[in-house]
Amino acid sequence: MKIKEVMNKNFINVSPNDIGGEVVQLLYEEHKNYAPVIEDGKLVGWITALDLLMGCKHSKIEDLMLLIDEVKVLKEEDEITDDLINEMIKNEDVAYPVVNDKDEVVGTLSVFDLLKTYKN
């Protein structure tokens, strides 16, 4: 099964210039724990609720986010493998951003997306 068949296409995203406190509120309202950080249509980082809790609510996201080289980025055409699932479990990663062949963010893949797929 390909990642694009399971991923969440209705994701929220934030900008590096957004303010931490506003993003906390957005994540809370949308019942999310993470969001890709996008600038000029490209993935530049990843923010989690934990990152926001560790930072200052007045800080810009660019000062709180994980940088692109610190995040596993999935390609929508890649297959979901046991290795991928085991890596998520081992690293306790809740989700990853998903990009297309132009490196544009097209979704996110979370453990919850996998659970929804595999429970049926």
C-alpha atoms as a PDB file:
ATOM      1  CA  MET A   1       0.000   0.000   0.000  1.00  0.00           C
ATOM      2  CA  LYS A   2       1.305   3.432  -0.931  1.00  0.00           C
ATOM      3  CA  ILE A   3       1.598   6.278   1.570  1.00  0.00           C
ATOM      4  CA  LYS A   4      -0.734   8.457  -0.538  1.00  0.00           C
ATOM      5  CA  GLU A   5      -3.529   5.917   0.013  1.00  0.00           C
ATOM      6  CA  VAL A   6      -3.358   6.292   3.797  1.00  0.00           C
ATOM      7  CA  MET A   7      -2.066   9.812   4.471  1.00  0.00           C
ATOM      8  CA  ASN A   8      -4.168  12.651   5.765  1.00  0.00           C
ATOM      9  CA  LYS A   9      -4.696  15.187   2.979  1.00  0.00           C
ATOM     10  CA  ASN A  10      -6.644  17.594   5.218  1.00  0.00           C
ATOM     11  CA  PHE A  11      -3.711  18.742   7.309  1.00  0.00           C
ATOM     12  CA  ILE A  12      -3.032  22.106   8.853  1.00  0.00           C
ATOM     13  CA  ASN A  13       0.220  23.905   8.172  1.00  0.00           C
ATOM     14  CA  VAL A  14       1.996  26.857   9.640  1.00  0.00           C
ATOM     15  CA  SER A  15       4.528  29.440   8.540  1.00  0.00           C
ATOM     16  CA  PRO A  16       7.959  30.020  10.076  1.00  0.00           C
ATOM     17  CA  ASN A  17       6.752  33.540  10.933  1.00  0.00           C
ATOM     18  CA  ASP A  18       3.682  32.393  12.885  1.00  0.00           C
ATOM     19  CA  ILE A  19       3.769  32.977  16.636  1.00  0.00           C
ATOM     20  CA  GLY A  20       3.939  29.995  19.010  1.00  0.00           C
ATOM     21  CA  GLY A  21       0.924  30.959  21.105  1.00  0.00           C
ATOM     22  CA  GLU A  22      -1.263  31.293  18.006  1.00  0.00           C
ATOM     23  CA  VAL A  23      -0.112  27.923  16.697  1.00  0.00           C
ATOM     24  CA  VAL A  24      -0.841  26.283  20.072  1.00  0.00           C
ATOM     25  CA  GLN A  25      -4.398  27.611  19.799  1.00  0.00           C
ATOM     26  CA  LEU A  26      -4.732  26.379  16.204  1.00  0.00           C
ATOM     27  CA  LEU A  27      -3.469  22.897  17.074  1.00  0.00           C
ATOM     28  CA  TYR A  28      -5.842  22.771  20.033  1.00  0.00           C
ATOM     29  CA  GLU A  29      -8.834  23.847  17.954  1.00  0.00           C
ATOM     30  CA  GLU A  30      -8.031  21.334  15.210  1.00  0.00           C
ATOM     31  CA  HIS A  31      -7.225  18.512  17.668  1.00  0.00           C
ATOM     32  CA  LYS A  32      -3.742  18.078  16.199  1.00  0.00           C
ATOM     33  CA  ASN A  33      -0.373  17.484  17.818  1.00  0.00           C
ATOM     34  CA  TYR A  34       1.820  18.443  14.861  1.00  0.00           C
ATOM     35  CA  ALA A  35       1.997  20.500  11.667  1.00  0.00           C
ATOM     36  CA  PRO A  36       4.340  20.916   8.728  1.00  0.00           C
ATOM     37  CA  VAL A  37       6.039  24.304   8.526  1.00  0.00           C
ATOM     38  CA  ILE A  38       5.756  25.600   4.961  1.00  0.00           C
ATOM     39  CA  GLU A  39       7.350  28.589   3.270  1.00  0.00           C
ATOM     40  CA  ASP A  40       6.823  29.432  -0.408  1.00  0.00           C
ATOM     41  CA  GLY A  41       5.024  26.114  -0.865  1.00  0.00           C
ATOM     42  CA  LYS A  42       7.967  24.050   0.390  1.00  0.00           C
ATOM     43  CA  LEU A  43       8.506  22.110   3.596  1.00  0.00           C
ATOM     44  CA  VAL A  44      11.038  23.899   5.796  1.00  0.00           C
ATOM     45  CA  GLY A  45      10.357  22.252   9.133  1.00  0.00           C
ATOM     46  CA  TRP A  46       8.019  20.393  11.462  1.00  0.00           C
ATOM     47  CA  ILE A  47       6.425  21.570  14.689  1.00  0.00           C
ATOM     48  CA  THR A  48       4.892  19.466  17.434  1.00  0.00           C
ATOM     49  CA  ALA A  49       2.858  20.378  20.475  1.00  0.00           C
ATOM     50  CA  LEU A  50       5.828  19.325  22.604  1.00  0.00           C
ATOM     51  CA  ASP A  51       8.122  21.731  20.724  1.00  0.00           C
ATOM     52  CA  LEU A  52       5.621  24.510  21.423  1.00  0.00           C
ATOM     53  CA  LEU A  53       5.377  23.623  25.102  1.00  0.00           C
ATOM     54  CA  MET A  54       9.158  23.808  25.393  1.00  0.00           C
ATOM     55  CA  GLY A  55       9.283  27.217  23.689  1.00  0.00           C
ATOM     56  CA  CYS A  56       7.926  30.635  24.416  1.00  0.00           C
ATOM     57  CA  LYS A  57       4.409  31.482  23.317  1.00  0.00           C
ATOM     58  CA  HIS A  58       5.744  34.747  21.887  1.00  0.00           C
ATOM     59  CA  SER A  59       8.473  33.071  19.796  1.00  0.00           C
ATOM     60  CA  LYS A  60       8.268  32.626  16.063  1.00  0.00           C
ATOM     61  CA  ILE A  61       7.797  29.088  14.815  1.00  0.00           C
ATOM     62  CA  GLU A  62      11.144  29.275  12.992  1.00  0.00           C
ATOM     63  CA  ASP A  63      12.810  29.424  16.426  1.00  0.00           C
ATOM     64  CA  LEU A  64      10.871  26.425  17.771  1.00  0.00           C
ATOM     65  CA  MET A  65      10.491  24.033  14.831  1.00  0.00           C
ATOM     66  CA  LEU A  66      12.532  21.008  13.919  1.00  0.00           C
ATOM     67  CA  LEU A  67      14.530  21.748  10.798  1.00  0.00           C
ATOM     68  CA  ILE A  68      13.978  19.739   7.654  1.00  0.00           C
ATOM     69  CA  ASP A  69      17.147  17.685   8.186  1.00  0.00           C
ATOM     70  CA  GLU A  70      15.878  16.687  11.660  1.00  0.00           C
ATOM     71  CA  VAL A  71      12.610  15.250  10.334  1.00  0.00           C
ATOM     72  CA  LYS A  72      11.847  12.103   8.390  1.00  0.00           C
ATOM     73  CA  VAL A  73      10.067  13.204   5.220  1.00  0.00           C
ATOM     74  CA  LEU A  74       8.031  10.643   3.294  1.00  0.00           C
ATOM     75  CA  LYS A  75       7.275  10.595  -0.427  1.00  0.00           C
ATOM     76  CA  GLU A  76       3.639  10.004  -1.361  1.00  0.00           C
ATOM     77  CA  GLU A  77       4.584   7.258  -3.839  1.00  0.00           C
ATOM     78  CA  ASP A  78       6.595   5.258  -1.278  1.00  0.00           C
ATOM     79  CA  GLU A  79       5.207   2.045   0.119  1.00  0.00           C
ATOM     80  CA  ILE A  80       4.158   1.646   3.730  1.00  0.00           C
ATOM     81  CA  THR A  81       6.510  -1.002   5.046  1.00  0.00           C
ATOM     82  CA  ASP A  82       6.981  -2.849   8.298  1.00  0.00           C
ATOM     83  CA  ASP A  83      10.295  -1.010   8.632  1.00  0.00           C
ATOM     84  CA  LEU A  84       8.518   2.359   8.474  1.00  0.00           C
ATOM     85  CA  ILE A  85       5.957   1.309  11.066  1.00  0.00           C
ATOM     86  CA  ASN A  86       8.655  -0.158  13.324  1.00  0.00           C
ATOM     87  CA  GLU A  87      10.677   3.064  13.032  1.00  0.00           C
ATOM     88  CA  MET A  88       7.669   5.150  14.078  1.00  0.00           C
ATOM     89  CA  ILE A  89       7.131   2.881  17.075  1.00  0.00           C
ATOM     90  CA  LYS A  90      10.817   2.743  18.052  1.00  0.00           C
ATOM     91  CA  ASN A  91      11.288   6.519  17.795  1.00  0.00           C
ATOM     92  CA  GLU A  92       7.837   7.254  19.238  1.00  0.00           C
ATOM     93  CA  ASP A  93       7.168   9.508  16.241  1.00  0.00           C
ATOM     94  CA  VAL A  94       3.489  10.407  16.021  1.00  0.00           C
ATOM     95  CA  ALA A  95       3.588  11.612  12.405  1.00  0.00           C
ATOM     96  CA  TYR A  96       5.687  12.573   9.400  1.00  0.00           C
ATOM     97  CA  PRO A  97       5.168  15.083   6.597  1.00  0.00           C
ATOM     98  CA  VAL A  98       4.491  13.699   3.102  1.00  0.00           C
ATOM     99  CA  VAL A  99       5.720  15.424  -0.072  1.00  0.00           C
ATOM    100  CA  ASN A 100       5.217  14.874  -3.783  1.00  0.00           C
ATOM    101  CA  ASP A 101       7.946  14.672  -6.429  1.00  0.00           C
ATOM    102  CA  LYS A 102       8.164  18.502  -6.444  1.00  0.00           C
ATOM    103  CA  ASP A 103       8.801  18.511  -2.668  1.00  0.00           C
ATOM    104  CA  GLU A 104       5.418  20.154  -2.033  1.00  0.00           C
ATOM    105  CA  VAL A 105       3.658  19.030   1.132  1.00  0.00           C
ATOM    106  CA  VAL A 106       0.605  16.981   0.154  1.00  0.00           C
ATOM    107  CA  GLY A 107      -0.243  15.381   3.481  1.00  0.00           C
ATOM    108  CA  THR A 108       0.860  13.896   6.757  1.00  0.00           C
ATOM    109  CA  LEU A 109       1.102  10.275   7.824  1.00  0.00           C
ATOM    110  CA  SER A 110       0.363   9.593  11.468  1.00  0.00           C
ATOM    111  CA  VAL A 111       0.074   6.488  13.577  1.00  0.00           C
ATOM    112  CA  PHE A 112      -3.642   7.269  13.716  1.00  0.00           C
ATOM    113  CA  ASP A 113      -3.901   7.146   9.901  1.00  0.00           C
ATOM    114  CA  LEU A 114      -2.208   3.748   9.992  1.00  0.00           C
ATOM    115  CA  LEU A 115      -4.494   2.490  12.759  1.00  0.00           C
ATOM    116  CA  LYS A 116      -7.596   3.591  10.833  1.00  0.00           C
ATOM    117  CA  THR A 117      -6.383   1.715   7.755  1.00  0.00           C
ATOM    118  CA  TYR A 118      -5.255  -1.468   9.434  1.00  0.00           C
ATOM    119  CA  LYS A 119      -8.196  -1.852  11.828  1.00  0.00           C
ATOM    120  CA  ASN A 120     -10.536  -2.492   8.876  1.00  0.00           C
END
